[in-house]
Amino acid sequence: MDARFSRLVVAGAVLAAGLGGGAPASAAVTYDPEAHTGFVGAADVRRAFGWTPATLTARAGRLAFDHDFWTDDTYSAVCGGRTYPLVHHREFGRYELTEAVVRRDRPRSSTGYGDGVTGFRLTGASSGISGTSVGPAVGRPCPADLGAAPGSTIVKLRLVSSATGWALAVSSGQVRRELVTSR
């Protein structure tokens, strides 16, 4: 091996080690959408809301996790003489998830125990709701958001595709953040 190449490899390894050591570790969400179980690391929740560790620790007991799911059908619809793509949200629902806050004990301080949150164990669905909606049909009014002339009706309709998906989210009060989405 050439001496210059050898020095370059060593310099690159030192630089990579220095960069890797300075970056904070990133927790990963592990979630089984069929069983509604998994683990969400504290870093993922803090990142989603822009919180400090202290803020997460203070609000951890008031967070709520949920699992949304859906089936969207995409149609080619002829309305008012023009063809438009039309997405119909056919099936939809939400499971409210049960979670357990995972904490690490720290030594006693002057203010008591400092138990930092390390994450949230998702242990299953506690409740859920789902529904379906009636799809578009020939002779029905064209949806207003298509831009067709008022009073136009669907004159031709063809199903192009169907897609299913789900999302794992966390809420704090009225603020909801998606952590994982699968389409």
N, C-alpha and C. Protein backbone atom coordinates (compact mmCIF):
# COMPACT_ATOMS: atom_id res chain seq x y z
N MET A 1 0.85 -1.17 0.00
CA MET A 1 0.00 0.00 0.00
C MET A 1 0.89 1.23 0.00
N ASP A 2 0.58 2.19 -0.79
CA ASP A 2 1.30 3.44 -0.92
C ASP A 2 1.20 4.26 0.38
N ALA A 3 2.25 4.93 0.79
CA ALA A 3 2.30 5.68 2.06
C ALA A 3 1.28 6.83 2.08
N ARG A 4 1.14 7.51 0.93
CA ARG A 4 0.15 8.59 0.87
C ARG A 4 -1.26 8.06 1.08
N PHE A 5 -1.59 6.95 0.43
CA PHE A 5 -2.91 6.34 0.56
C PHE A 5 -3.14 5.91 2.00
N SER A 6 -2.12 5.35 2.63
CA SER A 6 -2.22 4.90 4.02
C SER A 6 -2.51 6.08 4.96
N ARG A 7 -1.81 7.21 4.78
CA ARG A 7 -2.06 8.40 5.61
C ARG A 7 -3.47 8.93 5.39
N LEU A 8 -3.95 8.88 4.14
CA LEU A 8 -5.29 9.34 3.81
C LEU A 8 -6.35 8.48 4.50
N VAL A 9 -6.16 7.17 4.52
CA VAL A 9 -7.10 6.26 5.18
C VAL A 9 -7.14 6.55 6.67
N VAL A 10 -5.96 6.73 7.30
CA VAL A 10 -5.89 7.01 8.73
C VAL A 10 -6.56 8.35 9.03
N ALA A 11 -6.28 9.38 8.24
CA ALA A 11 -6.88 10.70 8.45
C ALA A 11 -8.39 10.63 8.30
N GLY A 12 -8.87 9.88 7.32
CA GLY A 12 -10.31 9.73 7.13
C GLY A 12 -10.96 9.02 8.30
N ALA A 13 -10.29 7.99 8.83
CA ALA A 13 -10.83 7.25 9.98
C ALA A 13 -10.88 8.14 11.21
N VAL A 14 -9.84 8.94 11.44
CA VAL A 14 -9.82 9.86 12.59
C VAL A 14 -10.93 10.89 12.45
N LEU A 15 -11.10 11.45 11.26
CA LEU A 15 -12.16 12.43 11.04
C LEU A 15 -13.53 11.80 11.25
N ALA A 16 -13.76 10.61 10.73
CA ALA A 16 -15.05 9.94 10.90
C ALA A 16 -15.32 9.63 12.36
N ALA A 17 -14.31 9.20 13.10
CA ALA A 17 -14.50 8.91 14.52
C ALA A 17 -14.84 10.17 15.29
N GLY A 18 -14.19 11.26 14.95
CA GLY A 18 -14.47 12.53 15.63
C GLY A 18 -15.86 13.03 15.33
N LEU A 19 -16.30 12.90 14.09
CA LEU A 19 -17.65 13.35 13.73
C LEU A 19 -18.70 12.47 14.37
N GLY A 20 -18.47 11.16 14.37
CA GLY A 20 -19.44 10.23 14.95
C GLY A 20 -19.55 10.39 16.45
N GLY A 21 -18.46 10.68 17.12
CA GLY A 21 -18.48 10.81 18.57
C GLY A 21 -19.21 12.05 19.04
N GLY A 22 -19.22 13.11 18.23
CA GLY A 22 -19.84 14.35 18.65
C GLY A 22 -21.33 14.42 18.39
N ALA A 23 -21.85 13.53 17.57
CA ALA A 23 -23.27 13.57 17.23
C ALA A 23 -24.09 12.86 18.31
N PRO A 24 -25.23 13.42 18.68
CA PRO A 24 -26.06 12.75 19.68
C PRO A 24 -26.64 11.46 19.12
N ALA A 25 -26.78 10.49 19.98
CA ALA A 25 -27.38 9.22 19.55
C ALA A 25 -28.84 9.45 19.21
N SER A 26 -29.32 8.80 18.17
CA SER A 26 -30.70 8.94 17.75
C SER A 26 -31.46 7.67 18.10
N ALA A 27 -32.52 7.82 18.83
CA ALA A 27 -33.36 6.67 19.16
C ALA A 27 -34.24 6.36 17.96
N ALA A 28 -34.61 5.12 17.84
CA ALA A 28 -35.47 4.72 16.73
C ALA A 28 -36.80 4.23 17.28
N VAL A 29 -37.85 4.54 16.56
CA VAL A 29 -39.17 4.04 16.92
C VAL A 29 -39.26 2.61 16.43
N THR A 30 -39.65 1.70 17.30
CA THR A 30 -39.94 0.33 16.89
C THR A 30 -41.42 0.12 17.15
N TYR A 31 -42.16 -0.23 16.10
CA TYR A 31 -43.61 -0.31 16.23
C TYR A 31 -44.15 -1.42 15.35
N ASP A 32 -45.02 -2.25 15.92
CA ASP A 32 -45.70 -3.31 15.18
C ASP A 32 -47.14 -2.84 14.94
N PRO A 33 -47.47 -2.42 13.72
CA PRO A 33 -48.80 -1.86 13.46
C PRO A 33 -49.93 -2.89 13.58
N GLU A 34 -49.62 -4.17 13.51
CA GLU A 34 -50.66 -5.19 13.66
C GLU A 34 -51.01 -5.39 15.13
N ALA A 35 -50.00 -5.45 16.00
CA ALA A 35 -50.23 -5.67 17.43
C ALA A 35 -50.41 -4.37 18.20
N HIS A 36 -50.06 -3.24 17.57
CA HIS A 36 -50.13 -1.92 18.21
C HIS A 36 -49.21 -1.84 19.43
N THR A 37 -48.05 -2.45 19.32
CA THR A 37 -47.08 -2.46 20.40
C THR A 37 -45.72 -1.98 19.88
N GLY A 38 -44.89 -1.51 20.80
CA GLY A 38 -43.55 -1.09 20.40
C GLY A 38 -42.92 -0.19 21.44
N PHE A 39 -41.94 0.57 20.98
CA PHE A 39 -41.23 1.49 21.85
C PHE A 39 -40.91 2.76 21.09
N VAL A 40 -41.12 3.91 21.74
CA VAL A 40 -40.78 5.21 21.18
C VAL A 40 -39.77 5.83 22.13
N GLY A 41 -38.58 6.11 21.63
CA GLY A 41 -37.54 6.71 22.45
C GLY A 41 -37.83 8.16 22.79
N ALA A 42 -37.32 8.60 23.93
CA ALA A 42 -37.51 9.98 24.38
C ALA A 42 -37.01 10.98 23.35
N ALA A 43 -35.88 10.67 22.71
CA ALA A 43 -35.31 11.60 21.72
C ALA A 43 -36.27 11.85 20.56
N ASP A 44 -37.02 10.82 20.15
CA ASP A 44 -37.97 10.98 19.05
C ASP A 44 -39.10 11.92 19.44
N VAL A 45 -39.59 11.80 20.66
CA VAL A 45 -40.69 12.67 21.12
C VAL A 45 -40.17 14.09 21.30
N ARG A 46 -38.99 14.23 21.91
CA ARG A 46 -38.42 15.58 22.09
C ARG A 46 -38.22 16.27 20.74
N ARG A 47 -37.69 15.52 19.78
CA ARG A 47 -37.46 16.08 18.45
C ARG A 47 -38.78 16.49 17.80
N ALA A 48 -39.82 15.68 17.95
CA ALA A 48 -41.12 15.97 17.33
C ALA A 48 -41.71 17.29 17.84
N PHE A 49 -41.53 17.56 19.14
CA PHE A 49 -42.11 18.77 19.73
C PHE A 49 -41.09 19.89 19.93
N GLY A 50 -39.80 19.61 19.76
CA GLY A 50 -38.77 20.61 20.01
C GLY A 50 -38.55 20.86 21.50
N TRP A 51 -38.70 19.83 22.30
CA TRP A 51 -38.61 19.96 23.76
C TRP A 51 -37.23 19.61 24.28
N THR A 52 -36.95 20.13 25.48
CA THR A 52 -35.76 19.74 26.22
C THR A 52 -36.08 18.47 27.01
N PRO A 53 -35.07 17.78 27.53
CA PRO A 53 -35.35 16.62 28.38
C PRO A 53 -36.22 16.97 29.59
N ALA A 54 -36.00 18.13 30.19
CA ALA A 54 -36.79 18.54 31.36
C ALA A 54 -38.26 18.75 30.99
N THR A 55 -38.53 19.33 29.83
CA THR A 55 -39.91 19.55 29.39
C THR A 55 -40.59 18.21 29.15
N LEU A 56 -39.88 17.28 28.49
CA LEU A 56 -40.46 15.96 28.25
C LEU A 56 -40.77 15.27 29.58
N THR A 57 -39.85 15.32 30.51
CA THR A 57 -40.08 14.69 31.82
C THR A 57 -41.32 15.27 32.49
N ALA A 58 -41.50 16.59 32.41
CA ALA A 58 -42.65 17.24 33.04
C ALA A 58 -43.97 16.88 32.35
N ARG A 59 -43.95 16.64 31.05
CA ARG A 59 -45.19 16.42 30.29
C ARG A 59 -45.44 14.95 29.93
N ALA A 60 -44.53 14.07 30.26
CA ALA A 60 -44.60 12.67 29.83
C ALA A 60 -45.91 11.99 30.18
N GLY A 61 -46.43 12.23 31.36
CA GLY A 61 -47.65 11.56 31.79
C GLY A 61 -48.91 12.04 31.09
N ARG A 62 -48.82 13.16 30.37
CA ARG A 62 -49.99 13.70 29.68
C ARG A 62 -49.95 13.50 28.17
N LEU A 63 -48.96 12.75 27.68
CA LEU A 63 -48.89 12.48 26.24
C LEU A 63 -49.85 11.36 25.87
N ALA A 64 -50.33 11.38 24.64
CA ALA A 64 -51.23 10.34 24.14
C ALA A 64 -50.70 9.87 22.79
N PHE A 65 -50.66 8.55 22.60
CA PHE A 65 -50.21 7.96 21.34
C PHE A 65 -51.41 7.36 20.62
N ASP A 66 -51.42 7.47 19.29
CA ASP A 66 -52.50 6.87 18.52
C ASP A 66 -51.97 6.31 17.21
N HIS A 67 -52.79 5.45 16.62
CA HIS A 67 -52.49 4.79 15.35
C HIS A 67 -53.66 5.07 14.41
N ASP A 68 -53.43 5.85 13.37
CA ASP A 68 -54.44 6.11 12.34
C ASP A 68 -54.22 5.14 11.18
N PHE A 69 -55.31 4.78 10.50
CA PHE A 69 -55.19 3.95 9.30
C PHE A 69 -56.21 4.41 8.28
N TRP A 70 -55.95 4.11 7.00
CA TRP A 70 -56.84 4.58 5.95
C TRP A 70 -56.67 3.75 4.68
N THR A 71 -57.70 3.83 3.83
CA THR A 71 -57.65 3.32 2.46
C THR A 71 -58.16 4.44 1.57
N ASP A 72 -57.35 4.85 0.63
CA ASP A 72 -57.71 5.90 -0.32
C ASP A 72 -57.84 5.31 -1.71
N ASP A 73 -58.95 5.58 -2.36
CA ASP A 73 -59.16 5.17 -3.75
C ASP A 73 -58.99 6.38 -4.65
N THR A 74 -58.22 6.22 -5.71
CA THR A 74 -58.03 7.31 -6.68
C THR A 74 -58.79 6.95 -7.95
N TYR A 75 -59.63 7.88 -8.37
CA TYR A 75 -60.45 7.71 -9.57
C TYR A 75 -60.05 8.72 -10.63
N SER A 76 -60.38 8.39 -11.85
CA SER A 76 -60.35 9.34 -12.96
C SER A 76 -61.82 9.71 -13.17
N ALA A 77 -62.16 10.97 -12.92
CA ALA A 77 -63.55 11.41 -12.99
C ALA A 77 -63.72 12.46 -14.09
N VAL A 78 -64.75 12.30 -14.89
CA VAL A 78 -65.08 13.30 -15.91
C VAL A 78 -66.21 14.16 -15.36
N CYS A 79 -65.89 15.44 -15.17
CA CYS A 79 -66.85 16.42 -14.64
C CYS A 79 -66.79 17.68 -15.49
N GLY A 80 -67.93 18.15 -15.93
CA GLY A 80 -67.97 19.39 -16.69
C GLY A 80 -67.13 19.37 -17.95
N GLY A 81 -67.01 18.20 -18.57
CA GLY A 81 -66.27 18.11 -19.83
C GLY A 81 -64.77 17.92 -19.67
N ARG A 82 -64.27 17.90 -18.43
CA ARG A 82 -62.83 17.71 -18.20
C ARG A 82 -62.62 16.49 -17.32
N THR A 83 -61.43 15.90 -17.43
CA THR A 83 -61.08 14.74 -16.60
C THR A 83 -60.20 15.19 -15.45
N TYR A 84 -60.57 14.74 -14.25
CA TYR A 84 -59.86 15.13 -13.03
C TYR A 84 -59.49 13.88 -12.22
N PRO A 85 -58.35 13.94 -11.50
CA PRO A 85 -58.09 12.88 -10.53
C PRO A 85 -58.93 13.16 -9.28
N LEU A 86 -59.55 12.14 -8.74
CA LEU A 86 -60.42 12.30 -7.58
C LEU A 86 -60.02 11.26 -6.53
N VAL A 87 -59.61 11.73 -5.35
CA VAL A 87 -59.22 10.82 -4.27
C VAL A 87 -60.37 10.73 -3.28
N HIS A 88 -60.78 9.49 -3.02
CA HIS A 88 -61.87 9.23 -2.09
C HIS A 88 -61.29 8.48 -0.88
N HIS A 89 -61.50 9.03 0.31
CA HIS A 89 -61.05 8.40 1.55
C HIS A 89 -62.11 7.38 1.97
N ARG A 90 -61.94 6.14 1.51
CA ARG A 90 -62.97 5.12 1.66
C ARG A 90 -63.04 4.56 3.09
N GLU A 91 -61.92 4.17 3.64
CA GLU A 91 -61.89 3.62 4.99
C GLU A 91 -60.94 4.45 5.84
N PHE A 92 -61.26 4.58 7.10
CA PHE A 92 -60.42 5.37 7.99
C PHE A 92 -60.71 4.96 9.42
N GLY A 93 -59.75 5.21 10.29
CA GLY A 93 -59.97 4.88 11.69
C GLY A 93 -58.80 5.27 12.55
N ARG A 94 -58.98 5.10 13.85
CA ARG A 94 -57.94 5.44 14.82
C ARG A 94 -58.04 4.52 16.02
N TYR A 95 -56.89 4.06 16.46
CA TYR A 95 -56.76 3.32 17.72
C TYR A 95 -56.05 4.23 18.71
N GLU A 96 -56.61 4.36 19.89
CA GLU A 96 -55.92 5.04 20.98
C GLU A 96 -55.04 3.99 21.63
N LEU A 97 -53.77 4.30 21.83
CA LEU A 97 -52.82 3.31 22.34
C LEU A 97 -52.55 3.51 23.82
N THR A 98 -52.29 2.41 24.48
CA THR A 98 -51.91 2.43 25.89
C THR A 98 -50.39 2.46 25.95
N GLU A 99 -49.86 3.34 26.80
CA GLU A 99 -48.42 3.45 26.90
C GLU A 99 -47.98 3.48 28.36
N ALA A 100 -46.74 3.09 28.56
CA ALA A 100 -46.12 3.17 29.88
C ALA A 100 -44.87 4.01 29.73
N VAL A 101 -44.73 5.01 30.57
CA VAL A 101 -43.54 5.86 30.54
C VAL A 101 -42.38 5.06 31.12
N VAL A 102 -41.28 5.03 30.41
CA VAL A 102 -40.08 4.35 30.89
C VAL A 102 -39.12 5.41 31.40
N ARG A 103 -38.73 5.27 32.66
CA ARG A 103 -37.86 6.25 33.30
C ARG A 103 -36.59 5.58 33.81
N ARG A 104 -35.55 6.38 33.98
CA ARG A 104 -34.33 5.88 34.61
C ARG A 104 -34.17 6.66 35.91
N ASP A 105 -33.84 5.96 36.94
CA ASP A 105 -33.63 6.61 38.23
C ASP A 105 -32.25 7.23 38.27
N ARG A 106 -32.20 8.43 38.79
CA ARG A 106 -30.93 9.12 39.00
C ARG A 106 -30.72 9.26 40.50
N PRO A 107 -29.51 9.52 40.91
CA PRO A 107 -29.27 9.69 42.34
C PRO A 107 -30.10 10.85 42.90
N ARG A 108 -30.41 10.75 44.18
CA ARG A 108 -31.19 11.78 44.87
C ARG A 108 -30.45 13.12 44.80
N SER A 109 -31.19 14.16 44.48
CA SER A 109 -30.63 15.51 44.45
C SER A 109 -31.31 16.32 45.54
N SER A 110 -30.99 17.59 45.63
CA SER A 110 -31.59 18.44 46.66
C SER A 110 -33.09 18.61 46.44
N THR A 111 -33.56 18.35 45.22
CA THR A 111 -34.99 18.48 44.94
C THR A 111 -35.71 17.14 44.93
N GLY A 112 -35.04 16.07 45.30
CA GLY A 112 -35.67 14.75 45.29
C GLY A 112 -35.09 13.88 44.20
N TYR A 113 -35.82 12.85 43.81
CA TYR A 113 -35.34 11.96 42.77
C TYR A 113 -35.49 12.62 41.41
N GLY A 114 -34.49 12.50 40.58
CA GLY A 114 -34.53 13.04 39.23
C GLY A 114 -34.70 11.92 38.24
N ASP A 115 -35.92 11.53 37.98
CA ASP A 115 -36.16 10.40 37.08
C ASP A 115 -36.35 10.90 35.66
N GLY A 116 -35.35 10.71 34.81
CA GLY A 116 -35.43 11.13 33.43
C GLY A 116 -36.20 10.14 32.59
N VAL A 117 -36.96 10.63 31.62
CA VAL A 117 -37.73 9.77 30.73
C VAL A 117 -36.79 9.24 29.65
N THR A 118 -36.80 7.92 29.45
CA THR A 118 -36.00 7.32 28.38
C THR A 118 -36.86 6.93 27.19
N GLY A 119 -38.16 6.81 27.40
CA GLY A 119 -39.04 6.48 26.29
C GLY A 119 -40.42 6.06 26.74
N PHE A 120 -41.17 5.46 25.80
CA PHE A 120 -42.55 5.07 26.05
C PHE A 120 -42.76 3.69 25.46
N ARG A 121 -43.22 2.77 26.30
CA ARG A 121 -43.54 1.42 25.85
C ARG A 121 -45.01 1.40 25.43
N LEU A 122 -45.27 1.08 24.18
CA LEU A 122 -46.64 0.99 23.67
C LEU A 122 -47.11 -0.45 23.88
N THR A 123 -48.21 -0.62 24.62
CA THR A 123 -48.62 -1.96 25.03
C THR A 123 -49.91 -2.45 24.37
N GLY A 124 -50.45 -1.70 23.42
CA GLY A 124 -51.63 -2.16 22.70
C GLY A 124 -52.66 -1.07 22.57
N ALA A 125 -53.76 -1.41 21.91
CA ALA A 125 -54.85 -0.46 21.70
C ALA A 125 -55.82 -0.54 22.87
N SER A 126 -56.23 0.62 23.37
CA SER A 126 -57.21 0.65 24.45
C SER A 126 -58.62 0.88 23.92
N SER A 127 -58.72 1.52 22.77
CA SER A 127 -60.02 1.76 22.13
C SER A 127 -59.77 2.11 20.67
N GLY A 128 -60.84 2.11 19.91
CA GLY A 128 -60.69 2.44 18.51
C GLY A 128 -62.02 2.79 17.87
N ILE A 129 -61.93 3.42 16.74
CA ILE A 129 -63.11 3.77 15.97
C ILE A 129 -62.73 3.71 14.50
N SER A 130 -63.66 3.28 13.66
CA SER A 130 -63.38 3.25 12.23
C SER A 130 -64.67 3.51 11.47
N GLY A 131 -64.52 3.78 10.21
CA GLY A 131 -65.69 4.05 9.39
C GLY A 131 -65.37 3.90 7.92
N THR A 132 -66.42 3.94 7.14
CA THR A 132 -66.29 3.94 5.69
C THR A 132 -67.17 5.06 5.16
N SER A 133 -66.90 5.47 3.97
CA SER A 133 -67.73 6.51 3.37
C SER A 133 -68.16 6.09 1.98
N VAL A 134 -69.25 6.65 1.53
CA VAL A 134 -69.80 6.33 0.22
C VAL A 134 -68.93 7.00 -0.84
N GLY A 135 -68.54 6.22 -1.81
CA GLY A 135 -67.65 6.72 -2.85
C GLY A 135 -68.38 7.53 -3.91
N PRO A 136 -67.61 8.10 -4.81
CA PRO A 136 -68.20 8.87 -5.90
C PRO A 136 -68.98 7.95 -6.84
N ALA A 137 -69.94 8.52 -7.55
CA ALA A 137 -70.74 7.73 -8.50
C ALA A 137 -71.18 8.63 -9.65
N VAL A 138 -71.38 8.01 -10.80
CA VAL A 138 -71.88 8.74 -11.97
C VAL A 138 -73.24 9.34 -11.60
N GLY A 139 -73.44 10.60 -11.96
CA GLY A 139 -74.69 11.31 -11.69
C GLY A 139 -74.64 12.15 -10.42
N ARG A 140 -73.66 11.89 -9.56
CA ARG A 140 -73.52 12.72 -8.35
C ARG A 140 -72.82 14.03 -8.70
N PRO A 141 -73.00 15.05 -7.85
CA PRO A 141 -72.32 16.33 -8.11
C PRO A 141 -70.80 16.18 -8.11
N CYS A 142 -70.14 16.97 -8.93
CA CYS A 142 -68.68 17.01 -8.93
C CYS A 142 -68.22 17.68 -7.65
N PRO A 143 -67.20 17.14 -6.99
CA PRO A 143 -66.69 17.80 -5.79
C PRO A 143 -66.22 19.22 -6.09
N ALA A 144 -66.52 20.14 -5.21
CA ALA A 144 -66.20 21.55 -5.42
C ALA A 144 -64.71 21.79 -5.60
N ASP A 145 -63.88 20.98 -4.94
CA ASP A 145 -62.43 21.22 -5.01
C ASP A 145 -61.81 20.80 -6.35
N LEU A 146 -62.57 20.20 -7.26
CA LEU A 146 -62.03 19.83 -8.56
C LEU A 146 -61.94 21.01 -9.51
N GLY A 147 -62.70 22.04 -9.25
CA GLY A 147 -62.67 23.20 -10.13
C GLY A 147 -63.65 23.11 -11.29
N ALA A 148 -64.52 22.11 -11.28
CA ALA A 148 -65.52 21.98 -12.34
C ALA A 148 -66.59 23.06 -12.16
N ALA A 149 -67.30 23.35 -13.22
CA ALA A 149 -68.36 24.38 -13.19
C ALA A 149 -69.42 24.00 -12.15
N PRO A 150 -69.93 24.97 -11.41
CA PRO A 150 -70.99 24.69 -10.42
C PRO A 150 -72.17 23.98 -11.08
N GLY A 151 -72.70 22.98 -10.39
CA GLY A 151 -73.84 22.23 -10.92
C GLY A 151 -73.45 21.06 -11.80
N SER A 152 -72.15 20.91 -12.08
CA SER A 152 -71.69 19.79 -12.92
C SER A 152 -71.85 18.48 -12.16
N THR A 153 -72.09 17.43 -12.92
CA THR A 153 -72.17 16.10 -12.32
C THR A 153 -71.10 15.20 -12.93
N ILE A 154 -70.80 14.13 -12.21
CA ILE A 154 -69.83 13.15 -12.70
C ILE A 154 -70.50 12.36 -13.82
N VAL A 155 -69.87 12.39 -15.00
CA VAL A 155 -70.45 11.69 -16.15
C VAL A 155 -69.73 10.38 -16.46
N LYS A 156 -68.49 10.26 -15.98
CA LYS A 156 -67.73 9.03 -16.20
C LYS A 156 -66.77 8.88 -15.03
N LEU A 157 -66.57 7.63 -14.60
CA LEU A 157 -65.74 7.38 -13.43
C LEU A 157 -65.00 6.06 -13.62
N ARG A 158 -63.68 6.08 -13.33
CA ARG A 158 -62.88 4.86 -13.45
C ARG A 158 -61.93 4.80 -12.26
N LEU A 159 -61.94 3.65 -11.52
CA LEU A 159 -61.02 3.44 -10.42
C LEU A 159 -59.63 3.21 -10.99
N VAL A 160 -58.67 4.03 -10.55
CA VAL A 160 -57.29 3.95 -11.04
C VAL A 160 -56.42 3.15 -10.08
N SER A 161 -56.56 3.42 -8.77
CA SER A 161 -55.73 2.72 -7.79
C SER A 161 -56.33 2.82 -6.40
N SER A 162 -55.87 1.94 -5.53
CA SER A 162 -56.22 1.98 -4.11
C SER A 162 -54.93 1.91 -3.32
N ALA A 163 -54.86 2.66 -2.25
CA ALA A 163 -53.66 2.66 -1.41
C ALA A 163 -54.08 2.65 0.05
N THR A 164 -53.36 1.85 0.84
CA THR A 164 -53.62 1.83 2.28
C THR A 164 -52.42 2.42 2.99
N GLY A 165 -52.65 2.88 4.20
CA GLY A 165 -51.56 3.43 4.98
C GLY A 165 -51.92 3.52 6.45
N TRP A 166 -50.92 3.85 7.26
CA TRP A 166 -51.13 4.05 8.68
C TRP A 166 -50.08 5.02 9.19
N ALA A 167 -50.36 5.60 10.36
CA ALA A 167 -49.42 6.53 10.98
C ALA A 167 -49.47 6.36 12.49
N LEU A 168 -48.30 6.39 13.11
CA LEU A 168 -48.17 6.41 14.56
C LEU A 168 -47.90 7.85 14.95
N ALA A 169 -48.69 8.38 15.89
CA ALA A 169 -48.54 9.78 16.28
C ALA A 169 -48.58 9.93 17.79
N VAL A 170 -48.08 11.07 18.25
CA VAL A 170 -48.12 11.43 19.67
C VAL A 170 -48.74 12.81 19.78
N SER A 171 -49.56 13.00 20.81
CA SER A 171 -50.23 14.29 21.03
C SER A 171 -49.92 14.82 22.42
N SER A 172 -49.76 16.13 22.47
CA SER A 172 -49.62 16.84 23.73
C SER A 172 -50.66 17.95 23.68
N GLY A 173 -51.75 17.78 24.42
CA GLY A 173 -52.85 18.74 24.32
C GLY A 173 -53.43 18.70 22.92
N GLN A 174 -53.52 19.85 22.28
CA GLN A 174 -54.08 19.94 20.93
C GLN A 174 -53.04 19.79 19.83
N VAL A 175 -51.77 19.62 20.20
CA VAL A 175 -50.69 19.51 19.21
C VAL A 175 -50.39 18.03 18.96
N ARG A 176 -50.47 17.62 17.69
CA ARG A 176 -50.26 16.22 17.29
C ARG A 176 -49.10 16.15 16.31
N ARG A 177 -48.20 15.19 16.52
CA ARG A 177 -47.05 15.01 15.63
C ARG A 177 -46.97 13.55 15.19
N GLU A 178 -46.84 13.33 13.89
CA GLU A 178 -46.65 11.97 13.37
C GLU A 178 -45.20 11.56 13.57
N LEU A 179 -45.01 10.36 14.09
CA LEU A 179 -43.67 9.82 14.31
C LEU A 179 -43.24 8.88 13.20
N VAL A 180 -44.18 8.05 12.72
CA VAL A 180 -43.91 7.09 11.66
C VAL A 180 -45.14 7.06 10.75
N THR A 181 -44.91 7.06 9.43
CA THR A 181 -46.01 6.94 8.48
C THR A 181 -45.63 5.87 7.46
N SER A 182 -46.59 5.02 7.13
CA SER A 182 -46.38 4.00 6.12
C SER A 182 -47.50 4.10 5.09
N ARG A 183 -47.12 4.26 3.85
CA ARG A 183 -48.10 4.36 2.77
C ARG A 183 -47.91 3.23 1.80
